[in-house]
Structures are given as structure tokens and as C-alpha cells.
Amino acid sequence: MLKHVAIVGVGLIGTSFALAAKRDLTPESAPRIIGVDLDVQYVEQARQRGAIDAAGTFEQAASADLVLLAVPVRQMPQVLAALKPHLAEHTVIIDAGSTKQDVIAAARVSLGNRFPQFVACHPIAGGERHGPLAADTTLFDGKNVVLCRSQENTDAMVETARLAWQAVGANVVEMSAATHDALFAAVSHLPHVLAFALVEEIASRPNAKLLFEHAASGFRDFTRIASSSPEMWRDVALNNREALLTELDAYLLRVAALRNMLQAGDGEAIHDLMQRAQSAREHWLSGQFDQFNQEDGL
């Protein structure tokens, strides 16, 4: 039972975690949750929503049973360094960063001999809106949380992290930090930078107003994640730069191939590419991707 929880960064993820940690519990059985954030308005909004009980300090957070770091990944070193002088021996720190090798390296330096108390995590949940007003009690229900165990973590620390995420409705899966960063460069980081780039390209044109006036559901759906936090995704892109560059290069090759097909008027090749993509997506959505054949799209 976690009696005292601290959320550092009461945006979408942090506030959603706090709301989920309290749901279906009586005031007597629910953990006391404090929120730490440089944005005092965010703290007050989280408090008004009933997610946190009070604003807190780094010193107060460091003595909690569990500390969730829900801040942009490039802020992790400063936050960890601020917690370290006050960190209680029983405190477990988890994070919600979208990159893992860099965060683990920062934790190792910032926490020193307290590094074993840090368990790297990444909830595969979120949305294009941010801030405590966008928070959702059910945000983590049925979603995966990737846990990247370090050699120094004890089984007890890892189990605390696992149970904390399960308590807010998530499924916990384990993988190495290197595997995590390579995987999410492809299926998360790349789509975000592509969405930002497309909107920027359209917005930079002299007839941008006319283009946006006639953009419909296809453009809206493809670019939905361009409404995400620029600060957060700038940090993710920079901190996972090498893996993201690899994915961008692969994508550019695929786009170049499609351009060549179009220039040559090769309708059959274009159709085959689109057919394979459609089939792959349908298999993925149905949970049957292991049955997908890349050669014929069937």
C-alpha cells in the first residue's frame, strides 16, 4: 500500500496517474498525493480536479513512497539532482519519459549511490492535448507500460513500480532500454516529427489559409499529434537522435521509391505498395499481425 505519492510534473500524464491512483478508493484508503510543478497554475488545476491533495516541494517529494517524474526528458537530470539530497531510503522513483537510455544515464549520474531506487518506465498512453485539464482517469486502462530494469534495481523496487502502474490500470511489459529506444523511434517518435513537419510545410505556404480551410478528416487525422507538446517532442527527438535519424532515413527511402513510381506512372507498383500497407494496418488493428505476409500483403 502506497500511503504517500509525489507527482513531479502535473500535466496530462502526471495528473491522469494521480486521478487513477485515487479512483474507487475512499478518502481514508487513498494515498496522499502531492504535486510539484514550476507552473503554479497547473498545480492548482490538478488540485481542483481532486488529483492531488496539495502542492509540494522537491524535499517533500523525496520522502514519498513513490515519486513519478512526468516531465520532459531533458528536465530529468535537474529534477533528479534536486531530489537526491533529500531522498529517503524507501522511496522508489519511476518516470514516464519516452526515451530510456538517456534517462537511465542521467539518473545514474544525478542519483549516484541512490541510482538503484530509480526504475525506468514509459507508459504507452497519452494524447495530443496536454496539461491537467486534459487529464483522464482512464488514460492508462489496458495500455502497456514498458519497464526497463537496470542491473542495480532490486526485485522489491521493480515490484513497487510494477504494482503502481497496475494500480492505475496498465499492463507492464519489460524490455531493455536499447530495444525500447529503437522500437519507439519507429512507431512513435517518427510519426510525431512527420506530423509536425507536414503542418509546418502547409503553414509556411503563401496560400496556407486557403489550404487549411479545405483540409478535411484525412489531414486532421494524419496531423492530430502535431497538437502535442513541442517542448516534450523536441526533447524526445534530440535525446533519441541516432535511432530517429535511422528511421527518418528509412522513411525517406520509402518516400523516394514511391515518388519514382509516381514519376514513372507505375500504377501497379503504387497499388501493390498501398495494398501491403493497408493489409499490414488491418492485421495490426485486429491483433493478428503475425499472420501478415510482407510479400503479398495477405
Protein backbone atom coordinates (compact mmCIF):
# COMPACT_ATOMS: atom_id res chain seq x y z
CA MET A 1 0.00 0.00 0.00
CA LEU A 2 1.43 3.36 -1.05
CA LYS A 3 0.48 5.97 1.51
CA HIS A 4 2.38 8.93 0.11
CA VAL A 5 2.87 9.62 -3.61
CA ALA A 6 4.56 12.59 -5.26
CA ILE A 7 3.94 13.65 -8.85
CA VAL A 8 6.65 15.83 -10.35
CA GLY A 9 5.05 17.39 -13.41
CA VAL A 10 1.27 17.63 -13.13
CA GLY A 11 0.47 17.70 -16.83
CA LEU A 12 -1.57 15.14 -18.76
CA ILE A 13 0.39 12.07 -17.64
CA GLY A 14 1.07 13.09 -14.05
CA THR A 15 -2.47 14.28 -13.32
CA SER A 16 -4.01 11.24 -15.04
CA PHE A 17 -1.82 8.95 -12.90
CA ALA A 18 -2.93 10.75 -9.73
CA LEU A 19 -6.62 10.59 -10.68
CA ALA A 20 -6.38 6.88 -11.46
CA ALA A 21 -4.49 6.16 -8.23
CA LYS A 22 -7.43 7.57 -6.23
CA ARG A 23 -10.39 6.19 -8.12
CA ASP A 24 -12.64 3.67 -6.41
CA LEU A 25 -10.88 4.35 -3.10
CA THR A 26 -12.27 6.01 -0.01
CA PRO A 27 -10.51 9.14 1.26
CA GLU A 28 -9.18 7.03 4.12
CA SER A 29 -7.64 4.35 1.86
CA ALA A 30 -6.43 6.60 -0.96
CA PRO A 31 -2.78 7.69 -0.95
CA ARG A 32 -1.92 11.27 -0.11
CA ILE A 33 -0.62 12.80 -3.32
CA ILE A 34 1.39 16.00 -3.63
CA GLY A 35 2.17 17.76 -6.89
CA VAL A 36 5.39 19.52 -7.79
CA ASP A 37 5.49 21.76 -10.85
CA LEU A 38 7.05 25.08 -11.81
CA ASP A 39 3.68 26.09 -13.27
CA VAL A 40 1.64 27.05 -10.21
CA GLN A 41 -1.50 27.21 -12.36
CA TYR A 42 -1.04 23.57 -13.30
CA VAL A 43 -0.69 22.63 -9.64
CA GLU A 44 -3.88 24.49 -8.74
CA GLN A 45 -5.80 22.93 -11.64
CA ALA A 46 -4.66 19.45 -10.58
CA ARG A 47 -5.74 20.20 -7.01
CA GLN A 48 -9.15 21.48 -8.12
CA ARG A 49 -9.67 18.28 -10.11
CA GLY A 50 -9.03 16.26 -6.97
CA ALA A 51 -5.91 14.63 -8.41
CA ILE A 52 -3.51 15.98 -5.81
CA ASP A 53 -4.08 16.91 -2.19
CA ALA A 54 -1.59 19.75 -2.05
CA ALA A 55 1.33 21.45 -3.73
CA GLY A 56 4.70 20.14 -2.62
CA THR A 57 8.44 20.72 -2.83
CA PHE A 58 11.27 18.52 -4.03
CA GLU A 59 12.25 17.93 -0.42
CA GLN A 60 8.75 16.73 0.45
CA ALA A 61 8.55 14.61 -2.71
CA ALA A 62 11.84 12.85 -1.93
CA SER A 63 10.38 11.26 1.20
CA ALA A 64 7.32 9.80 -0.54
CA ASP A 65 6.80 6.07 -1.02
CA LEU A 66 6.68 6.64 -4.78
CA VAL A 67 7.77 9.55 -6.97
CA LEU A 68 6.56 9.79 -10.57
CA LEU A 69 8.63 12.02 -12.84
CA ALA A 70 6.29 13.21 -15.61
CA VAL A 71 8.46 15.96 -17.09
CA PRO A 72 10.17 16.41 -20.48
CA VAL A 73 13.15 14.08 -20.72
CA ARG A 74 15.68 16.91 -20.87
CA GLN A 75 14.49 18.14 -17.47
CA MET A 76 15.16 14.77 -15.82
CA PRO A 77 18.79 15.48 -14.77
CA GLN A 78 17.86 18.68 -12.89
CA VAL A 79 14.82 17.08 -11.25
CA LEU A 80 16.77 14.03 -10.14
CA ALA A 81 19.58 16.20 -8.79
CA ALA A 82 17.04 18.22 -6.80
CA LEU A 83 15.56 15.06 -5.27
CA LYS A 84 18.82 13.32 -4.44
CA PRO A 85 19.91 15.25 -1.26
CA HIS A 86 16.56 14.52 0.42
CA LEU A 87 15.84 11.04 -0.93
CA ALA A 88 14.58 8.58 1.67
CA GLU A 89 15.90 5.02 1.56
CA HIS A 90 12.47 3.53 0.94
CA THR A 91 11.48 5.89 -1.90
CA VAL A 92 11.06 4.44 -5.39
CA ILE A 93 11.33 6.81 -8.34
CA ILE A 94 9.67 6.00 -11.64
CA ASP A 95 9.43 8.11 -14.77
CA ALA A 96 7.19 8.46 -17.80
CA GLY A 97 9.81 9.53 -20.34
CA SER A 98 9.54 8.49 -23.98
CA THR A 99 13.26 7.72 -24.20
CA LYS A 100 15.07 5.41 -21.86
CA GLN A 101 18.84 5.06 -22.42
CA ASP A 102 19.40 8.78 -21.90
CA VAL A 103 17.14 8.97 -18.85
CA ILE A 104 18.83 5.97 -17.23
CA ALA A 105 22.25 7.52 -17.88
CA ALA A 106 21.12 10.82 -16.36
CA ALA A 107 19.69 9.05 -13.32
CA ARG A 108 22.92 7.14 -12.82
CA VAL A 109 24.90 10.41 -12.72
CA SER A 110 22.39 12.53 -10.80
CA LEU A 111 21.47 9.97 -8.15
CA GLY A 112 24.87 8.39 -7.59
CA ASN A 113 24.61 5.73 -4.90
CA ARG A 114 20.82 6.17 -4.89
CA PHE A 115 20.51 5.14 -8.53
CA PRO A 116 19.09 1.67 -7.64
CA GLN A 117 15.95 3.45 -6.40
CA PHE A 118 15.18 4.64 -9.95
CA VAL A 119 13.10 2.31 -12.14
CA ALA A 120 12.83 3.48 -15.74
CA CYS A 121 9.32 3.30 -17.22
CA HIS A 122 7.38 4.52 -20.24
CA PRO A 123 3.57 4.44 -20.34
CA ILE A 124 2.34 3.96 -23.90
CA ALA A 125 -0.55 6.31 -23.37
CA GLY A 126 -1.19 9.97 -23.88
CA GLY A 127 -2.84 12.34 -26.31
CA GLU A 128 -2.27 15.43 -28.37
CA ARG A 129 -3.58 17.68 -25.60
CA HIS A 130 -1.56 18.42 -22.52
CA GLY A 131 -1.99 19.92 -19.08
CA PRO A 132 -4.06 18.84 -16.06
CA LEU A 133 -7.34 19.88 -17.67
CA ALA A 134 -6.74 17.25 -20.37
CA ALA A 135 -6.10 14.51 -17.80
CA ASP A 136 -8.23 11.36 -17.91
CA THR A 137 -8.81 8.91 -15.07
CA THR A 138 -8.93 6.03 -17.56
CA LEU A 139 -5.87 7.09 -19.60
CA PHE A 140 -3.79 4.03 -18.64
CA ASP A 141 -6.57 1.42 -18.64
CA GLY A 142 -5.45 -1.55 -20.72
CA LYS A 143 -2.39 0.32 -22.02
CA ASN A 144 1.13 -1.03 -21.90
CA VAL A 145 3.83 0.43 -19.71
CA VAL A 146 7.37 -0.51 -20.68
CA LEU A 147 9.63 -1.14 -17.70
CA CYS A 148 13.38 -1.09 -18.33
CA ARG A 149 15.05 -2.75 -15.37
CA SER A 150 18.61 -1.74 -14.56
CA GLN A 151 21.11 -4.20 -13.10
CA GLU A 152 21.18 -2.22 -9.87
CA ASN A 153 17.41 -2.39 -9.31
CA THR A 154 16.27 -4.78 -6.61
CA ASP A 155 13.31 -7.05 -7.17
CA ALA A 156 11.43 -5.12 -4.47
CA MET A 157 11.95 -1.78 -6.22
CA VAL A 158 10.84 -3.21 -9.57
CA GLU A 159 7.79 -4.80 -7.97
CA THR A 160 6.78 -1.47 -6.42
CA ALA A 161 6.98 0.15 -9.85
CA ARG A 162 5.03 -2.69 -11.45
CA LEU A 163 2.26 -2.62 -8.87
CA ALA A 164 1.98 1.17 -9.10
CA TRP A 165 1.30 1.04 -12.84
CA GLN A 166 -1.04 -1.91 -12.48
CA ALA A 167 -2.95 0.04 -9.84
CA VAL A 168 -3.77 2.73 -12.40
CA GLY A 169 -4.99 0.13 -14.92
CA ALA A 170 -1.90 -0.52 -17.04
CA ASN A 171 -0.22 -3.70 -18.25
CA VAL A 172 3.52 -3.84 -17.55
CA VAL A 173 5.98 -5.31 -20.06
CA GLU A 174 9.76 -5.45 -19.70
CA MET A 175 12.44 -4.82 -22.31
CA SER A 176 15.93 -3.39 -22.45
CA ALA A 177 16.39 0.36 -22.77
CA ALA A 178 18.19 -0.05 -26.11
CA THR A 179 15.36 -2.15 -27.55
CA HIS A 180 12.82 0.38 -26.27
CA ASP A 181 14.52 3.36 -27.90
CA ALA A 182 14.93 1.64 -31.27
CA LEU A 183 11.34 0.39 -31.27
CA PHE A 184 9.70 3.67 -30.33
CA ALA A 185 11.84 5.69 -32.71
CA ALA A 186 9.95 3.82 -35.46
CA VAL A 187 6.39 3.71 -34.16
CA SER A 188 6.16 6.86 -32.03
CA HIS A 189 8.95 9.38 -32.49
CA LEU A 190 8.98 9.20 -36.30
CA PRO A 191 5.20 9.72 -36.69
CA HIS A 192 5.34 12.75 -34.41
CA VAL A 193 8.13 14.53 -36.28
CA LEU A 194 6.43 13.74 -39.61
CA ALA A 195 3.16 15.25 -38.39
CA PHE A 196 4.91 18.40 -37.16
CA ALA A 197 6.84 18.69 -40.43
CA LEU A 198 3.73 18.35 -42.61
CA VAL A 199 1.78 21.01 -40.72
CA GLU A 200 4.82 23.33 -40.79
CA GLU A 201 5.16 22.81 -44.55
CA ILE A 202 1.50 23.63 -45.24
CA ALA A 203 1.51 26.58 -42.82
CA SER A 204 4.60 28.09 -44.49
CA ARG A 205 2.96 28.41 -47.91
CA PRO A 206 1.55 31.74 -49.17
CA ASN A 207 -1.88 30.13 -49.59
CA ALA A 208 -1.85 28.44 -46.16
CA LYS A 209 -5.21 29.94 -45.16
CA LEU A 210 -6.90 28.50 -48.24
CA LEU A 211 -5.25 25.12 -47.72
CA PHE A 212 -6.33 24.87 -44.08
CA GLU A 213 -9.86 25.97 -44.97
CA HIS A 214 -10.19 22.99 -47.29
CA ALA A 215 -8.31 20.42 -45.21
CA ALA A 216 -10.67 17.68 -44.07
CA SER A 217 -10.60 14.49 -41.99
CA GLY A 218 -7.61 12.90 -43.70
CA PHE A 219 -5.36 15.85 -42.94
CA ARG A 220 -6.83 16.19 -39.45
CA ASP A 221 -6.29 12.53 -38.59
CA PHE A 222 -2.77 12.38 -40.02
CA THR A 223 -1.67 15.53 -38.20
CA ARG A 224 -3.54 15.07 -34.90
CA ILE A 225 -0.33 14.51 -32.95
CA ALA A 226 1.12 17.80 -34.20
CA SER A 227 -1.00 19.34 -31.44
CA SER A 228 1.27 17.62 -28.90
CA SER A 229 3.72 19.49 -26.67
CA PRO A 230 6.59 20.90 -28.80
CA GLU A 231 8.84 21.03 -25.73
CA MET A 232 8.31 17.38 -24.95
CA TRP A 233 8.78 16.14 -28.52
CA ARG A 234 11.78 18.36 -29.19
CA ASP A 235 13.46 16.71 -26.21
CA VAL A 236 12.46 13.22 -27.32
CA ALA A 237 13.80 13.82 -30.84
CA LEU A 238 17.13 15.14 -29.59
CA ASN A 239 17.59 12.52 -26.89
CA ASN A 240 16.87 9.64 -29.27
CA ARG A 241 18.62 11.32 -32.20
CA GLU A 242 20.56 8.37 -33.64
CA ALA A 243 17.64 5.95 -33.65
CA LEU A 244 15.33 8.63 -35.05
CA LEU A 245 17.80 9.51 -37.82
CA THR A 246 17.90 5.84 -38.80
CA GLU A 247 14.10 5.77 -39.04
CA LEU A 248 13.95 9.05 -40.97
CA ASP A 249 16.47 7.71 -43.49
CA ALA A 250 14.44 4.53 -43.96
CA TYR A 251 11.24 6.55 -44.40
CA LEU A 252 12.88 8.91 -46.91
CA LEU A 253 13.97 5.90 -48.98
CA ARG A 254 10.40 4.60 -48.99
CA VAL A 255 9.03 8.02 -50.00
CA ALA A 256 11.67 8.32 -52.72
CA ALA A 257 10.66 4.91 -54.07
CA LEU A 258 7.02 5.99 -54.13
CA ARG A 259 7.99 9.21 -55.91
CA ASN A 260 9.83 7.21 -58.57
CA MET A 261 6.77 5.00 -59.07
CA LEU A 262 4.59 8.08 -59.47
CA GLN A 263 7.02 9.76 -61.86
CA ALA A 264 7.13 6.59 -63.96
CA GLY A 265 3.35 6.28 -63.89
CA ASP A 266 3.70 2.77 -62.46
CA GLY A 267 0.19 2.27 -61.16
CA GLU A 268 0.71 -1.41 -60.43
CA ALA A 269 3.70 -0.73 -58.15
CA ILE A 270 1.83 2.06 -56.37
CA HIS A 271 -1.18 -0.20 -55.87
CA ASP A 272 0.98 -3.03 -54.53
CA LEU A 273 2.67 -0.71 -52.01
CA MET A 274 -0.66 0.66 -50.84
CA GLN A 275 -2.17 -2.83 -50.70
CA ARG A 276 0.64 -4.09 -48.48
CA ALA A 277 0.31 -1.05 -46.22
CA GLN A 278 -3.47 -1.41 -45.95
CA SER A 279 -3.23 -5.11 -45.18
CA ALA A 280 -0.49 -4.58 -42.59
CA ARG A 281 -2.57 -1.94 -40.82
CA GLU A 282 -5.70 -4.09 -40.81
CA HIS A 283 -3.77 -7.05 -39.38
CA TRP A 284 -2.27 -4.78 -36.71
CA LEU A 285 -5.68 -3.33 -35.75
CA SER A 286 -7.17 -6.81 -35.48
CA GLY A 287 -4.28 -8.06 -33.35
CA GLN A 288 -3.29 -10.61 -35.99
CA PHE A 289 -0.13 -9.11 -37.46
CA ASP A 290 1.73 -12.42 -37.10
CA GLN A 291 -0.43 -13.63 -39.99
CA PHE A 292 0.65 -10.79 -42.27
CA ASN A 293 2.77 -11.78 -45.28
CA GLN A 294 5.01 -8.90 -46.37
CA GLU A 295 5.47 -10.33 -49.84
CA ASP A 296 1.87 -10.26 -50.95
CA GLY A 297 0.18 -8.19 -48.25
CA LEU A 298 -2.10 -11.08 -47.37
